[in-house]
C-alpha atoms as a PDB file:
ATOM      1  CA  UNK A   1     120.272 132.484  81.559  1.00  0.00           C
ATOM      2  CA  UNK A   2     120.925 130.091  83.912  1.00  0.00           C
ATOM      3  CA  UNK A   3     118.169 129.020  86.356  1.00  0.00           C
ATOM      4  CA  UNK A   4     118.169 129.335  89.556  1.00  0.00           C
ATOM      5  CA  UNK A   5     118.132 126.357  91.899  1.00  0.00           C
ATOM      6  CA  UNK A   6     114.072 126.666  93.112  1.00  0.00           C
ATOM      7  CA  UNK A   7     112.993 126.794  89.473  1.00  0.00           C
ATOM      8  CA  UNK A   8     116.002 124.060  88.391  1.00  0.00           C
ATOM      9  CA  UNK A   9     114.062 121.871  91.070  1.00  0.00           C
ATOM     10  CA  UNK A  10     110.350 122.747  89.947  1.00  0.00           C
ATOM     11  CA  UNK A  11     111.390 121.543  86.390  1.00  0.00           C
ATOM     12  CA  UNK A  12     112.579 118.300  87.451  1.00  0.00           C
ATOM     13  CA  UNK A  13     109.471 117.581  89.763  1.00  0.00           C
ATOM     14  CA  UNK A  14     107.593 118.580  86.935  1.00  0.00           C
ATOM     15  CA  UNK A  15     108.996 116.975  84.457  1.00  0.00           C
ATOM     16  CA  UNK A  16     108.788 113.551  86.883  1.00  0.00           C
ATOM     17  CA  UNK A  17     105.636 114.012  87.958  1.00  0.00           C
ATOM     18  CA  UNK A  18     104.149 111.037  85.436  1.00  0.00           C
ATOM     19  CA  UNK A  19     106.747 108.410  87.079  1.00  0.00           C
ATOM     20  CA  UNK A  20     105.660 109.768  90.198  1.00  0.00           C
ATOM     21  CA  UNK A  21     102.068 109.048  90.103  1.00  0.00           C
ATOM     22  CA  UNK A  22     103.211 105.831  88.957  1.00  0.00           C
ATOM     23  CA  UNK A  23     106.201 104.875  91.646  1.00  0.00           C
ATOM     24  CA  UNK A  24     103.913 105.937  94.473  1.00  0.00           C
ATOM     25  CA  UNK A  25     101.387 103.229  93.502  1.00  0.00           C
ATOM     26  CA  UNK A  26     104.443  99.896  93.485  1.00  0.00           C
ATOM     27  CA  UNK A  27     104.154  97.878  96.425  1.00  0.00           C
ATOM     28  CA  UNK A  28     106.496  94.677  97.386  1.00  0.00           C
ATOM     29  CA  UNK A  29     104.191  91.778  97.012  1.00  0.00           C
ATOM     30  CA  UNK A  30     105.625  90.550 100.375  1.00  0.00           C
ATOM     31  CA  UNK A  31     104.134  92.811 102.282  1.00  0.00           C
ATOM     32  CA  UNK A  32     101.485  92.607 104.568  1.00  0.00           C
ATOM     33  CA  UNK A  33      98.978  94.997 106.637  1.00  0.00           C
ATOM     34  CA  UNK A  34      99.952  94.970 110.179  1.00  0.00           C
ATOM     35  CA  UNK A  35      97.072  97.520 111.338  1.00  0.00           C
ATOM     36  CA  UNK A  36      94.081  95.309 112.393  1.00  0.00           C
ATOM     37  CA  UNK A  37      90.525  95.540 113.710  1.00  0.00           C
ATOM     38  CA  UNK A  38      91.989  96.351 116.993  1.00  0.00           C
ATOM     39  CA  UNK A  39      93.708  99.082 116.227  1.00  0.00           C
ATOM     40  CA  UNK A  40      90.494 100.759 114.338  1.00  0.00           C
ATOM     41  CA  UNK A  41      88.693 100.269 117.443  1.00  0.00           C
ATOM     42  CA  UNK A  42      91.252 101.664 119.672  1.00  0.00           C
ATOM     43  CA  UNK A  43      91.321 104.437 117.624  1.00  0.00           C
ATOM     44  CA  UNK A  44      87.830 105.213 117.778  1.00  0.00           C
ATOM     45  CA  UNK A  45      88.317 106.045 121.426  1.00  0.00           C
ATOM     46  CA  UNK A  46      90.746 108.931 121.120  1.00  0.00           C
ATOM     47  CA  UNK A  47      90.909 110.521 117.624  1.00  0.00           C
ATOM     48  CA  UNK A  48      88.806 113.336 117.587  1.00  0.00           C
ATOM     49  CA  UNK A  49      88.191 115.442 114.835  1.00  0.00           C
ATOM     50  CA  UNK A  50      91.687 117.533 113.817  1.00  0.00           C
ATOM     51  CA  UNK A  51      93.708 115.182 114.473  1.00  0.00           C
ATOM     52  CA  UNK A  52      96.389 114.277 112.438  1.00  0.00           C
ATOM     53  CA  UNK A  53      97.349 110.306 111.029  1.00  0.00           C
ATOM     54  CA  UNK A  54     100.574 109.948 109.817  1.00  0.00           C
ATOM     55  CA  UNK A  55     101.379 106.750 108.218  1.00  0.00           C
ATOM     56  CA  UNK A  56     103.751 103.879 107.520  1.00  0.00           C
ATOM     57  CA  UNK A  57     102.798 101.081 104.346  1.00  0.00           C
ATOM     58  CA  UNK A  58     105.902  98.732 104.379  1.00  0.00           C
ATOM     59  CA  UNK A  59     106.947  97.940 101.119  1.00  0.00           C
ATOM     60  CA  UNK A  60     105.925 100.940  98.992  1.00  0.00           C
ATOM     61  CA  UNK A  61     108.434 102.501  96.712  1.00  0.00           C
ATOM     62  CA  UNK A  62     107.248 105.532  97.814  1.00  0.00           C
ATOM     63  CA  UNK A  63     109.507 105.026 101.518  1.00  0.00           C
ATOM     64  CA  UNK A  64     112.611 105.425  99.612  1.00  0.00           C
ATOM     65  CA  UNK A  65     111.932 108.810  98.934  1.00  0.00           C
ATOM     66  CA  UNK A  66     110.115 110.496 101.652  1.00  0.00           C
ATOM     67  CA  UNK A  67     112.440 111.683 104.078  1.00  0.00           C
ATOM     68  CA  UNK A  68     112.019 110.295 107.773  1.00  0.00           C
ATOM     69  CA  UNK A  69     109.962 106.821 109.050  1.00  0.00           C
ATOM     70  CA  UNK A  70     106.429 107.987 108.065  1.00  0.00           C
ATOM     71  CA  UNK A  71     105.372 108.022 104.497  1.00  0.00           C
ATOM     72  CA  UNK A  72     101.734 109.756 104.724  1.00  0.00           C
ATOM     73  CA  UNK A  73     100.302 111.875 106.797  1.00  0.00           C
ATOM     74  CA  UNK A  74      96.151 112.636 106.866  1.00  0.00           C
ATOM     75  CA  UNK A  75      93.513 114.183 109.131  1.00  0.00           C
ATOM     76  CA  UNK A  76      90.999 112.861 111.115  1.00  0.00           C
ATOM     77  CA  UNK A  77      87.625 114.582 110.148  1.00  0.00           C
ATOM     78  CA  UNK A  78      85.476 112.853 112.563  1.00  0.00           C
ATOM     79  CA  UNK A  79      82.965 109.730 112.298  1.00  0.00           C
ATOM     80  CA  UNK A  80      84.283 107.745 109.798  1.00  0.00           C
ATOM     81  CA  UNK A  81      86.013 110.045 107.757  1.00  0.00           C
ATOM     82  CA  UNK A  82      89.648 110.687 107.409  1.00  0.00           C
ATOM     83  CA  UNK A  83      90.733 113.263 104.550  1.00  0.00           C
ATOM     84  CA  UNK A  84      94.211 113.115 102.919  1.00  0.00           C
ATOM     85  CA  UNK A  85      95.764 113.903  99.716  1.00  0.00           C
ATOM     86  CA  UNK A  86      96.832 111.725  97.252  1.00  0.00           C
ATOM     87  CA  UNK A  87      97.971 110.780  94.039  1.00  0.00           C
ATOM     88  CA  UNK A  88      94.255 111.662  92.453  1.00  0.00           C
ATOM     89  CA  UNK A  89      94.101 114.922  94.602  1.00  0.00           C
ATOM     90  CA  UNK A  90      92.399 115.662  97.999  1.00  0.00           C
ATOM     91  CA  UNK A  91      89.579 112.869  98.847  1.00  0.00           C
ATOM     92  CA  UNK A  92      87.798 111.829 101.672  1.00  0.00           C
ATOM     93  CA  UNK A  93      88.484 107.808 102.659  1.00  0.00           C
ATOM     94  CA  UNK A  94      86.679 105.964 105.192  1.00  0.00           C
ATOM     95  CA  UNK A  95      88.642 105.454 108.437  1.00  0.00           C
ATOM     96  CA  UNK A  96      88.317 101.478 108.074  1.00  0.00           C
ATOM     97  CA  UNK A  97      89.323 101.466 104.870  1.00  0.00           C
ATOM     98  CA  UNK A  98      92.177 103.462 105.676  1.00  0.00           C
ATOM     99  CA  UNK A  99      93.609 102.359 108.831  1.00  0.00           C
ATOM    100  CA  UNK A 100      93.468  98.487 107.263  1.00  0.00           C
ATOM    101  CA  UNK A 101      95.834  99.139 104.451  1.00  0.00           C
ATOM    102  CA  UNK A 102      98.665 100.822 106.593  1.00  0.00           C
ATOM    103  CA  UNK A 103     101.399  98.521 108.260  1.00  0.00           C
ATOM    104  CA  UNK A 104     101.703 101.483 111.150  1.00  0.00           C
ATOM    105  CA  UNK A 105     100.156 104.426 112.171  1.00  0.00           C
ATOM    106  CA  UNK A 106     100.065 107.348 115.030  1.00  0.00           C
ATOM    107  CA  UNK A 107      97.751 110.059 116.098  1.00  0.00           C
ATOM    108  CA  UNK A 108      98.955 113.224 117.139  1.00  0.00           C
ATOM    109  CA  UNK A 109      96.812 116.294 118.618  1.00  0.00           C
ATOM    110  CA  UNK A 110      98.321 119.538 118.526  1.00  0.00           C
ATOM    111  CA  UNK A 111      99.489 121.287 121.579  1.00  0.00           C
ATOM    112  CA  UNK A 112      98.277 124.970 120.193  1.00  0.00           C
ATOM    113  CA  UNK A 113      95.134 124.472 119.110  1.00  0.00           C
ATOM    114  CA  UNK A 114      91.797 124.094 121.125  1.00  0.00           C
ATOM    115  CA  UNK A 115      89.298 120.886 120.277  1.00  0.00           C
ATOM    116  CA  UNK A 116      86.971 123.871 118.680  1.00  0.00           C
ATOM    117  CA  UNK A 117      89.834 125.168 116.226  1.00  0.00           C
ATOM    118  CA  UNK A 118      91.256 120.955 115.599  1.00  0.00           C
ATOM    119  CA  UNK A 119      87.225 120.855 114.445  1.00  0.00           C
ATOM    120  CA  UNK A 120      88.146 124.080 112.176  1.00  0.00           C
ATOM    121  CA  UNK A 121      90.959 122.570 110.689  1.00  0.00           C
ATOM    122  CA  UNK A 122      89.028 119.507 110.243  1.00  0.00           C
ATOM    123  CA  UNK A 123      86.441 121.126 108.083  1.00  0.00           C
ATOM    124  CA  UNK A 124      89.133 122.992 105.982  1.00  0.00           C
ATOM    125  CA  UNK A 125      90.289 120.091 105.052  1.00  0.00           C
ATOM    126  CA  UNK A 126      87.103 118.485 104.071  1.00  0.00           C
ATOM    127  CA  UNK A 127      86.425 121.451 102.174  1.00  0.00           C
ATOM    128  CA  UNK A 128      89.525 121.091  99.800  1.00  0.00           C
ATOM    129  CA  UNK A 129      87.897 118.137  98.406  1.00  0.00           C
ATOM    130  CA  UNK A 130      88.687 117.767  94.738  1.00  0.00           C
ATOM    131  CA  UNK A 131      91.603 119.937  94.507  1.00  0.00           C
ATOM    132  CA  UNK A 132      94.800 118.167  93.052  1.00  0.00           C
ATOM    133  CA  UNK A 133      97.822 117.004  94.105  1.00  0.00           C
ATOM    134  CA  UNK A 134     100.670 119.117  94.410  1.00  0.00           C
ATOM    135  CA  UNK A 135     103.688 116.846  92.834  1.00  0.00           C
ATOM    136  CA  UNK A 136     105.931 119.975  92.895  1.00  0.00           C
ATOM    137  CA  UNK A 137     106.083 120.324  96.943  1.00  0.00           C
ATOM    138  CA  UNK A 138     104.734 123.971  96.872  1.00  0.00           C
ATOM    139  CA  UNK A 139     102.713 125.871  99.158  1.00  0.00           C
ATOM    140  CA  UNK A 140     100.120 127.592  96.373  1.00  0.00           C
ATOM    141  CA  UNK A 141      96.378 127.015  97.896  1.00  0.00           C
ATOM    142  CA  UNK A 142      95.078 125.275  94.798  1.00  0.00           C
ATOM    143  CA  UNK A 143      96.959 121.985  95.307  1.00  0.00           C
ATOM    144  CA  UNK A 144      98.245 119.687  98.526  1.00  0.00           C
ATOM    145  CA  UNK A 145     100.810 116.779  99.043  1.00  0.00           C
ATOM    146  CA  UNK A 146      99.827 114.703 102.045  1.00  0.00           C
ATOM    147  CA  UNK A 147     101.521 116.877 104.928  1.00  0.00           C
ATOM    148  CA  UNK A 148     100.900 120.193 103.410  1.00  0.00           C
ATOM    149  CA  UNK A 149      96.991 119.302 103.870  1.00  0.00           C
ATOM    150  CA  UNK A 150      97.534 119.226 107.543  1.00  0.00           C
ATOM    151  CA  UNK A 151      99.428 122.076 107.688  1.00  0.00           C
ATOM    152  CA  UNK A 152      97.292 124.810 105.681  1.00  0.00           C
ATOM    153  CA  UNK A 153      94.208 123.659 107.439  1.00  0.00           C
ATOM    154  CA  UNK A 154      96.208 124.697 110.952  1.00  0.00           C
ATOM    155  CA  UNK A 155      97.438 127.446 109.162  1.00  0.00           C
ATOM    156  CA  UNK A 156      93.610 128.688 108.316  1.00  0.00           C
ATOM    157  CA  UNK A 157      92.345 127.822 111.574  1.00  0.00           C
ATOM    158  CA  UNK A 158      94.328 128.913 114.658  1.00  0.00           C
ATOM    159  CA  UNK A 159      95.236 132.426 115.299  1.00  0.00           C
ATOM    160  CA  UNK A 160      99.254 132.659 115.503  1.00  0.00           C
ATOM    161  CA  UNK A 161      99.766 129.519 114.358  1.00  0.00           C
ATOM    162  CA  UNK A 162     103.115 128.199 115.937  1.00  0.00           C
ATOM    163  CA  UNK A 163     103.371 125.310 113.794  1.00  0.00           C
ATOM    164  CA  UNK A 164     106.314 126.530 111.038  1.00  0.00           C
ATOM    165  CA  UNK A 165     107.911 125.041 107.848  1.00  0.00           C
ATOM    166  CA  UNK A 166     111.333 123.175 107.577  1.00  0.00           C
ATOM    167  CA  UNK A 167     114.192 123.103 105.321  1.00  0.00           C
ATOM    168  CA  UNK A 168     114.029 119.909 103.086  1.00  0.00           C
ATOM    169  CA  UNK A 169     115.308 119.388 100.104  1.00  0.00           C
ATOM    170  CA  UNK A 170     116.218 123.156 100.158  1.00  0.00           C
ATOM    171  CA  UNK A 171     112.747 124.118  99.939  1.00  0.00           C
ATOM    172  CA  UNK A 172     110.484 125.354 103.093  1.00  0.00           C
ATOM    173  CA  UNK A 173     108.179 122.318 103.419  1.00  0.00           C
ATOM    174  CA  UNK A 174     106.605 119.718 105.753  1.00  0.00           C
ATOM    175  CA  UNK A 175     107.109 115.977 105.899  1.00  0.00           C
ATOM    176  CA  UNK A 176     104.937 113.512 107.856  1.00  0.00           C
ATOM    177  CA  UNK A 177     107.835 113.067 109.951  1.00  0.00           C
ATOM    178  CA  UNK A 178     107.876 116.508 111.044  1.00  0.00           C
ATOM    179  CA  UNK A 179     104.426 115.853 112.932  1.00  0.00           C
ATOM    180  CA  UNK A 180     106.410 112.880 114.381  1.00  0.00           C
ATOM    181  CA  UNK A 181     109.483 115.471 115.410  1.00  0.00           C
ATOM    182  CA  UNK A 182     107.636 118.625 116.636  1.00  0.00           C
ATOM    183  CA  UNK A 183     107.408 116.974 120.481  1.00  0.00           C
ATOM    184  CA  UNK A 184     106.849 120.604 121.791  1.00  0.00           C
ATOM    185  CA  UNK A 185     103.547 121.209 119.276  1.00  0.00           C
ATOM    186  CA  UNK A 186     102.114 117.424 118.712  1.00  0.00           C
ATOM    187  CA  UNK A 187     101.418 115.276 121.434  1.00  0.00           C
ATOM    188  CA  UNK A 188     101.141 111.357 120.473  1.00  0.00           C
ATOM    189  CA  UNK A 189      97.789 109.938 121.150  1.00  0.00           C
ATOM    190  CA  UNK A 190      97.707 106.813 119.369  1.00  0.00           C
ATOM    191  CA  UNK A 191     100.272 103.885 118.522  1.00  0.00           C
ATOM    192  CA  UNK A 192      99.394 100.877 116.740  1.00  0.00           C
ATOM    193  CA  UNK A 193     102.937  99.540 117.511  1.00  0.00           C
ATOM    194  CA  UNK A 194     102.477  99.983 121.189  1.00  0.00           C
ATOM    195  CA  UNK A 195      99.515 100.033 123.966  1.00  0.00           C
ATOM    196  CA  UNK A 196      99.498 104.132 123.331  1.00  0.00           C
ATOM    197  CA  UNK A 197      96.021 105.307 123.152  1.00  0.00           C
ATOM    198  CA  UNK A 198      95.406 108.255 125.708  1.00  0.00           C
ATOM    199  CA  UNK A 199      92.723 110.374 125.841  1.00  0.00           C
END
């Protein structure tokens, strides 16, 4: 019996999981970080709980396999906390450590959510701490890849959430670039490569 396309893709991704974990940690020895303390101070002026942070780290091998410019997404949870899905699962990261390990960061707030709903999304994401990383890019609730964490947080916190999945790699999913491209749904409030800092 022939496997259908989705089952075949799932089999390949599952088999490749050990390799994917290793590849995600490979960096070019010639890369250096471009985000500085001044960007951290600027971020504190505009970030509110629930802001989605998209990032790019130059020299990461994963940049070659993740479609689009942005290669990671996380959620600002308030104070100095960021919640993100990384190789070891959903974790809470210190904001300054998160920022100073990147080359480019943008912050996006949803136009379809109130500040209270954004805070609820941040709390929902934080409640997933300890759950595993989803290497198979599914929509199952018990594992998360980086951009899926933000998607599910808003889906579970905003009634009639208009944020929809798109087809990537022939599967319904969400990528970090999707946040930047959906300009009718997300407003950019921070960009470390420009002077953009808006309240």
